[in-house]
Amino acid sequence: MDKIVVEKLDHVTVNVTDVERAKGFYGGLFGLKEVPRPKSFGFGGAWYDLNGTFLHLVQRPEPDAASGRHFAVWTADVQQAARAVEAAGYPVKWDKLKIEGVDRFFTQDPDGNRVEVQGSDA
C-alpha cells in the first residue's frame, strides 16, 4: 500500500457564530495577520496566516459543542499573553500536566472554542 507523504499542516478550521466578534479575538487580541479568502466562498469567515499555517474561521449558525479539541499557538512571552487574555476578559487556565521547557494555558474564544497558548518556561 502506498503511503501519503505529508509535508506540513496547512490549516485549521474553527467554527464561529459571529465573524466580526471572532476577528476581535484572533486578529485583535492575538494579533494574527488576516489574509484574503477565495472570492468564490459564499459564506462568512476570515483567514489568518500564522507563518505559513493558516487559521480558517468559518461562520456557522450555532457554536460547536464544548470539547477538549483545540489548537495551540506559541508565543515569545506566555506570561504576558496570559495577562493580556485575562485583561480582555477571557479565561486563563494553566495546564497541570507539565511539558519539559514549556509553560502553557488554555483559553476560549467568544464561541467557546479552546485555544492553547504555549511559551518557554525559562
N, C-alpha and C. Protein backbone atom coordinates (compact mmCIF):
# COMPACT_ATOMS: atom_id res chain seq x y z
N MET A 1 0.85 -1.18 0.00
CA MET A 1 0.00 0.00 0.00
C MET A 1 0.89 1.24 0.00
N ASP A 2 0.58 2.18 -0.88
CA ASP A 2 1.31 3.45 -0.92
C ASP A 2 0.91 4.31 0.27
N LYS A 3 1.88 5.04 0.80
CA LYS A 3 1.63 5.95 1.90
C LYS A 3 1.61 7.39 1.39
N ILE A 4 0.82 8.20 2.03
CA ILE A 4 0.78 9.62 1.73
C ILE A 4 1.98 10.26 2.43
N VAL A 5 2.65 11.16 1.74
CA VAL A 5 3.77 11.89 2.33
C VAL A 5 3.25 13.28 2.72
N VAL A 6 3.04 13.47 4.00
CA VAL A 6 2.55 14.76 4.49
C VAL A 6 3.74 15.70 4.62
N GLU A 7 3.63 16.88 4.03
CA GLU A 7 4.71 17.85 4.07
C GLU A 7 4.55 18.88 5.17
N LYS A 8 3.32 19.24 5.50
CA LYS A 8 3.09 20.23 6.54
C LYS A 8 1.61 20.28 6.88
N LEU A 9 1.30 20.88 8.01
CA LEU A 9 -0.08 21.19 8.34
C LEU A 9 -0.43 22.48 7.62
N ASP A 10 -1.45 22.46 6.79
CA ASP A 10 -1.81 23.64 6.00
C ASP A 10 -2.71 24.59 6.77
N HIS A 11 -3.80 24.07 7.34
CA HIS A 11 -4.71 24.95 8.07
C HIS A 11 -5.54 24.20 9.09
N VAL A 12 -6.10 24.98 9.98
CA VAL A 12 -7.05 24.51 10.98
C VAL A 12 -8.30 25.35 10.81
N THR A 13 -9.46 24.73 10.89
CA THR A 13 -10.72 25.46 10.78
C THR A 13 -11.40 25.53 12.14
N VAL A 14 -11.88 26.72 12.48
CA VAL A 14 -12.62 26.94 13.72
C VAL A 14 -13.97 27.53 13.33
N ASN A 15 -15.05 26.91 13.78
CA ASN A 15 -16.39 27.42 13.52
C ASN A 15 -16.74 28.52 14.51
N VAL A 16 -17.30 29.62 14.01
CA VAL A 16 -17.70 30.75 14.84
C VAL A 16 -19.09 31.21 14.43
N THR A 17 -19.80 31.82 15.35
CA THR A 17 -21.15 32.30 15.04
C THR A 17 -21.16 33.76 14.62
N ASP A 18 -20.17 34.52 15.02
CA ASP A 18 -20.09 35.96 14.72
C ASP A 18 -18.67 36.25 14.27
N VAL A 19 -18.49 36.41 12.96
CA VAL A 19 -17.16 36.58 12.40
C VAL A 19 -16.48 37.84 12.94
N GLU A 20 -17.18 38.94 13.00
CA GLU A 20 -16.55 40.18 13.47
C GLU A 20 -16.10 40.06 14.93
N ARG A 21 -16.90 39.44 15.76
CA ARG A 21 -16.52 39.23 17.16
C ARG A 21 -15.29 38.32 17.24
N ALA A 22 -15.28 37.26 16.43
CA ALA A 22 -14.14 36.34 16.41
C ALA A 22 -12.88 37.05 15.88
N LYS A 23 -13.04 37.95 14.92
CA LYS A 23 -11.90 38.70 14.41
C LYS A 23 -11.29 39.58 15.50
N GLY A 24 -12.13 40.09 16.39
CA GLY A 24 -11.62 40.87 17.52
C GLY A 24 -10.73 40.03 18.42
N PHE A 25 -11.07 38.76 18.58
CA PHE A 25 -10.29 37.84 19.41
C PHE A 25 -9.01 37.43 18.69
N TYR A 26 -9.13 36.87 17.49
CA TYR A 26 -7.97 36.32 16.79
C TYR A 26 -7.09 37.41 16.17
N GLY A 27 -7.69 38.38 15.53
CA GLY A 27 -6.91 39.43 14.90
C GLY A 27 -6.56 40.55 15.86
N GLY A 28 -7.48 40.87 16.76
CA GLY A 28 -7.25 41.95 17.71
C GLY A 28 -6.38 41.52 18.87
N LEU A 29 -6.92 40.67 19.74
CA LEU A 29 -6.21 40.24 20.94
C LEU A 29 -4.95 39.46 20.61
N PHE A 30 -5.04 38.50 19.70
CA PHE A 30 -3.88 37.66 19.37
C PHE A 30 -2.99 38.26 18.29
N GLY A 31 -3.46 39.29 17.61
CA GLY A 31 -2.62 39.97 16.62
C GLY A 31 -2.31 39.15 15.39
N LEU A 32 -3.17 38.18 15.05
CA LEU A 32 -2.92 37.37 13.87
C LEU A 32 -3.14 38.19 12.60
N LYS A 33 -2.37 37.86 11.58
CA LYS A 33 -2.41 38.59 10.31
C LYS A 33 -3.51 38.02 9.42
N GLU A 34 -4.53 38.83 9.16
CA GLU A 34 -5.62 38.40 8.28
C GLU A 34 -5.17 38.45 6.82
N VAL A 35 -5.56 37.43 6.07
CA VAL A 35 -5.23 37.35 4.66
C VAL A 35 -6.52 37.12 3.86
N PRO A 36 -6.51 37.43 2.56
CA PRO A 36 -7.72 37.28 1.76
C PRO A 36 -8.19 35.83 1.66
N ARG A 37 -9.50 35.67 1.64
CA ARG A 37 -10.12 34.37 1.39
C ARG A 37 -10.47 34.29 -0.09
N PRO A 38 -10.67 33.08 -0.61
CA PRO A 38 -11.11 32.96 -2.01
C PRO A 38 -12.42 33.71 -2.24
N LYS A 39 -12.49 34.44 -3.33
CA LYS A 39 -13.69 35.22 -3.64
C LYS A 39 -14.90 34.33 -3.91
N SER A 40 -14.65 33.07 -4.25
CA SER A 40 -15.75 32.16 -4.57
C SER A 40 -16.49 31.66 -3.34
N PHE A 41 -15.96 31.90 -2.13
CA PHE A 41 -16.62 31.42 -0.92
C PHE A 41 -17.85 32.28 -0.65
N GLY A 42 -19.00 31.64 -0.61
CA GLY A 42 -20.26 32.35 -0.40
C GLY A 42 -20.73 32.31 1.04
N PHE A 43 -19.85 32.08 1.98
CA PHE A 43 -20.23 32.02 3.40
C PHE A 43 -19.26 32.89 4.19
N GLY A 44 -19.68 33.32 5.34
CA GLY A 44 -18.87 34.20 6.16
C GLY A 44 -17.64 33.51 6.72
N GLY A 45 -16.60 34.30 6.94
CA GLY A 45 -15.41 33.75 7.54
C GLY A 45 -14.24 34.70 7.44
N ALA A 46 -13.10 34.25 7.91
CA ALA A 46 -11.86 35.01 7.85
C ALA A 46 -10.71 34.02 7.87
N TRP A 47 -9.60 34.40 7.25
CA TRP A 47 -8.40 33.57 7.24
C TRP A 47 -7.25 34.35 7.86
N TYR A 48 -6.42 33.64 8.60
CA TYR A 48 -5.24 34.22 9.22
C TYR A 48 -4.02 33.38 8.88
N ASP A 49 -2.91 34.08 8.61
CA ASP A 49 -1.64 33.42 8.30
C ASP A 49 -0.78 33.41 9.56
N LEU A 50 -0.46 32.21 10.03
CA LEU A 50 0.41 32.03 11.19
C LEU A 50 1.73 31.46 10.68
N ASN A 51 2.48 32.27 9.96
CA ASN A 51 3.79 31.86 9.42
C ASN A 51 3.70 30.64 8.52
N GLY A 52 2.75 30.64 7.60
CA GLY A 52 2.66 29.56 6.62
C GLY A 52 1.66 28.47 6.95
N THR A 53 1.13 28.48 8.14
CA THR A 53 -0.01 27.62 8.50
C THR A 53 -1.18 28.57 8.73
N PHE A 54 -2.36 28.18 8.29
CA PHE A 54 -3.48 29.11 8.30
C PHE A 54 -4.57 28.69 9.28
N LEU A 55 -5.21 29.70 9.82
CA LEU A 55 -6.39 29.52 10.65
C LEU A 55 -7.57 30.01 9.84
N HIS A 56 -8.54 29.14 9.60
CA HIS A 56 -9.74 29.50 8.87
C HIS A 56 -10.89 29.61 9.86
N LEU A 57 -11.49 30.79 9.95
CA LEU A 57 -12.72 30.96 10.70
C LEU A 57 -13.86 30.79 9.73
N VAL A 58 -14.83 29.95 10.08
CA VAL A 58 -15.99 29.69 9.23
C VAL A 58 -17.25 29.99 10.02
N GLN A 59 -18.10 30.84 9.45
CA GLN A 59 -19.33 31.22 10.14
C GLN A 59 -20.35 30.10 10.07
N ARG A 60 -20.90 29.77 11.22
CA ARG A 60 -21.94 28.75 11.36
C ARG A 60 -23.06 29.33 12.22
N PRO A 61 -24.28 28.83 12.08
CA PRO A 61 -25.39 29.39 12.86
C PRO A 61 -25.33 29.07 14.35
N GLU A 62 -24.71 27.95 14.71
CA GLU A 62 -24.64 27.54 16.12
C GLU A 62 -23.19 27.23 16.47
N PRO A 63 -22.79 27.48 17.71
CA PRO A 63 -21.42 27.13 18.11
C PRO A 63 -21.26 25.62 18.20
N ASP A 64 -20.02 25.16 18.04
CA ASP A 64 -19.72 23.74 18.25
C ASP A 64 -19.92 23.38 19.72
N ALA A 65 -20.21 22.13 19.98
CA ALA A 65 -20.32 21.65 21.35
C ALA A 65 -18.96 21.76 22.03
N ALA A 66 -18.98 22.08 23.31
CA ALA A 66 -17.73 22.17 24.08
C ALA A 66 -17.03 20.81 24.07
N SER A 67 -15.70 20.85 23.93
CA SER A 67 -14.93 19.61 23.94
C SER A 67 -13.48 19.94 24.27
N GLY A 68 -12.67 18.93 24.34
CA GLY A 68 -11.26 19.11 24.60
C GLY A 68 -10.45 19.44 23.36
N ARG A 69 -11.06 19.41 22.18
CA ARG A 69 -10.27 19.66 20.96
C ARG A 69 -9.82 21.12 20.96
N HIS A 70 -8.65 21.34 20.40
CA HIS A 70 -8.07 22.67 20.38
C HIS A 70 -6.91 22.72 19.40
N PHE A 71 -6.41 23.89 19.19
CA PHE A 71 -5.14 24.06 18.51
C PHE A 71 -4.27 24.90 19.44
N ALA A 72 -2.96 24.89 19.19
CA ALA A 72 -2.04 25.60 20.07
C ALA A 72 -1.21 26.59 19.26
N VAL A 73 -0.92 27.71 19.89
CA VAL A 73 -0.01 28.70 19.33
C VAL A 73 1.16 28.87 20.29
N TRP A 74 2.29 29.27 19.75
CA TRP A 74 3.49 29.52 20.54
C TRP A 74 3.71 31.03 20.60
N THR A 75 4.03 31.53 21.77
CA THR A 75 4.28 32.95 21.94
C THR A 75 5.64 33.17 22.61
N ALA A 76 6.22 34.33 22.35
CA ALA A 76 7.52 34.65 22.92
C ALA A 76 7.45 34.84 24.43
N ASP A 77 6.28 35.26 24.96
CA ASP A 77 6.14 35.53 26.39
C ASP A 77 4.77 35.05 26.86
N VAL A 78 4.72 33.82 27.32
CA VAL A 78 3.45 33.21 27.70
C VAL A 78 2.83 33.90 28.92
N GLN A 79 3.64 34.41 29.83
CA GLN A 79 3.11 35.10 31.00
C GLN A 79 2.42 36.41 30.58
N GLN A 80 3.06 37.15 29.68
CA GLN A 80 2.45 38.38 29.17
C GLN A 80 1.18 38.06 28.41
N ALA A 81 1.19 36.98 27.65
CA ALA A 81 0.00 36.57 26.90
C ALA A 81 -1.15 36.27 27.85
N ALA A 82 -0.86 35.59 28.95
CA ALA A 82 -1.90 35.27 29.93
C ALA A 82 -2.48 36.55 30.53
N ARG A 83 -1.62 37.51 30.84
CA ARG A 83 -2.12 38.78 31.39
C ARG A 83 -3.02 39.50 30.38
N ALA A 84 -2.63 39.50 29.11
CA ALA A 84 -3.43 40.15 28.07
C ALA A 84 -4.78 39.47 27.89
N VAL A 85 -4.78 38.14 27.90
CA VAL A 85 -6.03 37.38 27.74
C VAL A 85 -6.96 37.67 28.92
N GLU A 86 -6.43 37.63 30.13
CA GLU A 86 -7.24 37.93 31.32
C GLU A 86 -7.77 39.36 31.29
N ALA A 87 -6.92 40.33 30.91
CA ALA A 87 -7.33 41.73 30.85
C ALA A 87 -8.44 41.95 29.84
N ALA A 88 -8.48 41.12 28.79
CA ALA A 88 -9.53 41.21 27.78
C ALA A 88 -10.81 40.49 28.20
N GLY A 89 -10.77 39.85 29.37
CA GLY A 89 -11.98 39.21 29.90
C GLY A 89 -12.16 37.75 29.53
N TYR A 90 -11.12 37.13 29.02
CA TYR A 90 -11.21 35.72 28.65
C TYR A 90 -10.56 34.87 29.74
N PRO A 91 -11.00 33.61 29.87
CA PRO A 91 -10.44 32.75 30.92
C PRO A 91 -9.01 32.31 30.62
N VAL A 92 -8.25 32.11 31.67
CA VAL A 92 -6.90 31.56 31.58
C VAL A 92 -6.84 30.40 32.54
N LYS A 93 -6.60 29.20 32.01
CA LYS A 93 -6.49 28.00 32.84
C LYS A 93 -5.14 27.36 32.55
N TRP A 94 -4.23 27.46 33.53
CA TRP A 94 -2.90 26.87 33.37
C TRP A 94 -3.03 25.37 33.43
N ASP A 95 -2.31 24.69 32.54
CA ASP A 95 -2.38 23.23 32.49
C ASP A 95 -1.53 22.62 33.59
N LYS A 96 -2.07 21.62 34.25
CA LYS A 96 -1.36 20.94 35.34
C LYS A 96 -0.37 19.91 34.81
N LEU A 97 -0.55 19.45 33.59
CA LEU A 97 0.36 18.47 33.01
C LEU A 97 1.54 19.21 32.40
N LYS A 98 2.71 18.96 32.92
CA LYS A 98 3.90 19.69 32.52
C LYS A 98 4.55 19.07 31.29
N ILE A 99 4.97 19.93 30.38
CA ILE A 99 5.80 19.56 29.24
C ILE A 99 7.15 20.22 29.52
N GLU A 100 8.22 19.45 29.49
CA GLU A 100 9.53 19.98 29.82
C GLU A 100 9.88 21.19 28.96
N GLY A 101 10.22 22.31 29.63
CA GLY A 101 10.63 23.52 28.94
C GLY A 101 9.49 24.41 28.47
N VAL A 102 8.23 24.02 28.75
CA VAL A 102 7.08 24.73 28.22
C VAL A 102 6.13 25.14 29.34
N ASP A 103 5.69 26.40 29.32
CA ASP A 103 4.55 26.85 30.11
C ASP A 103 3.39 26.95 29.14
N ARG A 104 2.17 26.65 29.61
CA ARG A 104 1.03 26.71 28.71
C ARG A 104 -0.26 26.90 29.48
N PHE A 105 -1.18 27.57 28.82
CA PHE A 105 -2.51 27.74 29.38
C PHE A 105 -3.54 27.58 28.27
N PHE A 106 -4.77 27.38 28.69
CA PHE A 106 -5.89 27.30 27.76
C PHE A 106 -6.79 28.49 27.97
N THR A 107 -7.40 28.95 26.89
CA THR A 107 -8.43 29.96 26.94
C THR A 107 -9.53 29.55 25.98
N GLN A 108 -10.53 30.39 25.86
CA GLN A 108 -11.64 30.12 24.94
C GLN A 108 -11.95 31.37 24.15
N ASP A 109 -12.23 31.19 22.86
CA ASP A 109 -12.66 32.32 22.05
C ASP A 109 -14.11 32.66 22.40
N PRO A 110 -14.70 33.69 21.82
CA PRO A 110 -16.07 34.08 22.19
C PRO A 110 -17.12 32.98 21.98
N ASP A 111 -16.84 31.99 21.11
CA ASP A 111 -17.78 30.89 20.89
C ASP A 111 -17.45 29.66 21.74
N GLY A 112 -16.47 29.76 22.62
CA GLY A 112 -16.12 28.64 23.48
C GLY A 112 -15.12 27.67 22.89
N ASN A 113 -14.55 27.99 21.72
CA ASN A 113 -13.51 27.13 21.13
C ASN A 113 -12.24 27.26 21.96
N ARG A 114 -11.63 26.12 22.30
CA ARG A 114 -10.42 26.12 23.12
C ARG A 114 -9.19 26.49 22.29
N VAL A 115 -8.34 27.29 22.89
CA VAL A 115 -7.07 27.67 22.29
C VAL A 115 -6.00 27.46 23.37
N GLU A 116 -4.96 26.74 23.03
CA GLU A 116 -3.82 26.57 23.93
C GLU A 116 -2.75 27.59 23.55
N VAL A 117 -2.19 28.22 24.56
CA VAL A 117 -1.12 29.19 24.34
C VAL A 117 0.11 28.66 25.07
N GLN A 118 1.19 28.50 24.31
CA GLN A 118 2.42 27.94 24.86
C GLN A 118 3.57 28.94 24.73
N GLY A 119 4.55 28.78 25.60
CA GLY A 119 5.77 29.55 25.54
C GLY A 119 6.82 28.88 26.40
N SER A 120 8.02 29.36 26.33
CA SER A 120 9.11 28.80 27.11
C SER A 120 8.90 29.06 28.60
N ASP A 121 9.29 28.10 29.43
CA ASP A 121 9.18 28.31 30.87
C ASP A 121 10.45 28.92 31.45
N ALA A 122 11.37 29.31 30.57
CA ALA A 122 12.64 29.91 31.03
C ALA A 122 12.46 31.37 31.37
